């Protein structure tokens, strides 16, 4: 048997977040002066924003020709907007900051064996 592609569930299997995502999002938002007034709604809204993006643009946008970075920008912005934060250019800046952060080891650590 010849395998052409092997995939892994990356998050939680091979690597894990150094800091819980909602905490990281809040920290980065504060750098841009964005205040999250309803933190409970904010914490829950990431899953909603992620599921919505996945339903509209499966496989991180690959199936609908949406670039993966725009897919994540949409998730980040909708996480904030769904928690009552007004849409602004700051949300784009926050999204790109997070994309860059999670593209490095700063956002991740190896799951111990």
Protein backbone atom coordinates (compact mmCIF):
# COMPACT_ATOMS: atom_id res chain seq x y z
CA UNK A 1 0.00 0.00 0.00
CA UNK A 2 1.33 3.42 -0.95
CA UNK A 3 0.37 6.41 1.19
CA UNK A 4 0.18 9.75 -0.56
CA UNK A 5 -0.86 11.85 2.40
CA UNK A 6 -0.81 11.41 6.13
CA UNK A 7 -2.51 14.01 8.29
CA UNK A 8 -2.44 14.65 12.01
CA UNK A 9 -4.76 16.41 14.39
CA UNK A 10 -2.15 19.03 15.27
CA UNK A 11 -3.72 20.89 18.19
CA UNK A 12 -3.75 18.87 21.37
CA UNK A 13 -2.04 15.88 19.77
CA UNK A 14 1.35 17.08 18.59
CA UNK A 15 1.33 20.63 19.93
CA UNK A 16 -0.76 22.59 22.41
CA UNK A 17 -1.31 26.26 23.08
CA UNK A 18 1.20 27.87 25.44
CA UNK A 19 -1.57 30.17 26.64
CA UNK A 20 -5.30 29.46 26.26
CA UNK A 21 -6.46 31.15 23.03
CA UNK A 22 -9.07 33.36 24.70
CA UNK A 23 -6.38 34.70 27.06
CA UNK A 24 -3.99 35.27 24.14
CA UNK A 25 -6.72 37.02 22.14
CA UNK A 26 -7.47 39.29 25.10
CA UNK A 27 -3.79 40.13 25.58
CA UNK A 28 -3.31 41.02 21.93
CA UNK A 29 -6.56 43.01 21.88
CA UNK A 30 -5.34 45.09 24.80
CA UNK A 31 -2.23 46.04 22.78
CA UNK A 32 -4.58 47.66 20.26
CA UNK A 33 -6.79 49.31 22.86
CA UNK A 34 -9.70 46.94 22.25
CA UNK A 35 -11.66 46.21 25.40
CA UNK A 36 -13.74 43.07 25.76
CA UNK A 37 -16.63 43.95 28.04
CA UNK A 38 -18.35 40.57 28.08
CA UNK A 39 -15.51 38.11 28.57
CA UNK A 40 -17.84 35.17 29.15
CA UNK A 41 -19.51 35.67 25.75
CA UNK A 42 -16.10 36.24 24.21
CA UNK A 43 -14.73 32.94 25.55
CA UNK A 44 -17.69 31.00 24.16
CA UNK A 45 -17.82 32.83 20.85
CA UNK A 46 -14.56 31.46 19.42
CA UNK A 47 -16.15 28.04 18.90
CA UNK A 48 -19.16 29.64 17.23
CA UNK A 49 -16.98 31.74 14.91
CA UNK A 50 -14.81 28.73 14.10
CA UNK A 51 -17.78 26.48 13.30
CA UNK A 52 -19.41 29.16 11.15
CA UNK A 53 -16.21 29.65 9.16
CA UNK A 54 -15.79 25.91 8.78
CA UNK A 55 -19.37 25.51 7.53
CA UNK A 56 -19.08 28.40 5.06
CA UNK A 57 -15.51 27.67 3.93
CA UNK A 58 -14.56 24.07 4.82
CA UNK A 59 -10.97 22.96 5.24
CA UNK A 60 -9.76 26.44 6.20
CA UNK A 61 -11.12 27.90 2.97
CA UNK A 62 -9.39 25.43 0.67
CA UNK A 63 -12.68 24.09 -0.68
CA UNK A 64 -13.99 27.56 -1.55
CA UNK A 65 -10.77 29.23 -2.73
CA UNK A 66 -10.58 31.44 0.34
CA UNK A 67 -6.98 31.91 1.45
CA UNK A 68 -6.33 30.35 4.86
CA UNK A 69 -5.16 33.68 6.28
CA UNK A 70 -8.46 35.34 5.33
CA UNK A 71 -10.27 32.37 6.87
CA UNK A 72 -8.50 33.06 10.17
CA UNK A 73 -9.02 36.83 9.91
CA UNK A 74 -12.74 36.10 9.60
CA UNK A 75 -12.69 33.78 12.63
CA UNK A 76 -10.83 36.29 14.79
CA UNK A 77 -12.99 39.24 13.77
CA UNK A 78 -16.22 37.29 14.22
CA UNK A 79 -15.05 36.09 17.63
CA UNK A 80 -14.78 39.71 18.75
CA UNK A 81 -17.85 41.01 16.90
CA UNK A 82 -20.01 38.18 18.24
CA UNK A 83 -19.02 39.21 21.75
CA UNK A 84 -20.17 42.79 21.21
CA UNK A 85 -16.91 44.40 20.11
CA UNK A 86 -17.47 46.93 17.34
CA UNK A 87 -15.84 46.11 14.00
CA UNK A 88 -12.85 48.33 13.29
CA UNK A 89 -9.48 48.25 11.55
CA UNK A 90 -8.05 47.24 14.94
CA UNK A 91 -9.70 43.84 14.58
CA UNK A 92 -7.81 43.25 11.33
CA UNK A 93 -4.57 44.22 13.09
CA UNK A 94 -5.36 41.89 15.98
CA UNK A 95 -6.12 39.05 13.57
CA UNK A 96 -2.84 39.49 11.69
CA UNK A 97 -0.93 39.77 14.96
CA UNK A 98 -2.44 36.45 16.09
CA UNK A 99 -1.76 34.78 12.73
CA UNK A 100 1.88 35.80 13.00
CA UNK A 101 2.07 34.72 16.65
CA UNK A 102 0.60 31.28 15.97
CA UNK A 103 2.95 30.88 13.00
CA UNK A 104 5.84 30.74 15.47
CA UNK A 105 6.80 28.72 18.51
CA UNK A 106 5.65 31.62 20.68
CA UNK A 107 2.09 30.32 20.54
CA UNK A 108 2.78 26.60 20.85
CA UNK A 109 4.51 23.95 22.91
CA UNK A 110 5.06 20.25 22.30
CA UNK A 111 2.57 17.91 23.94
CA UNK A 112 4.56 15.74 26.35
CA UNK A 113 4.66 12.06 25.53
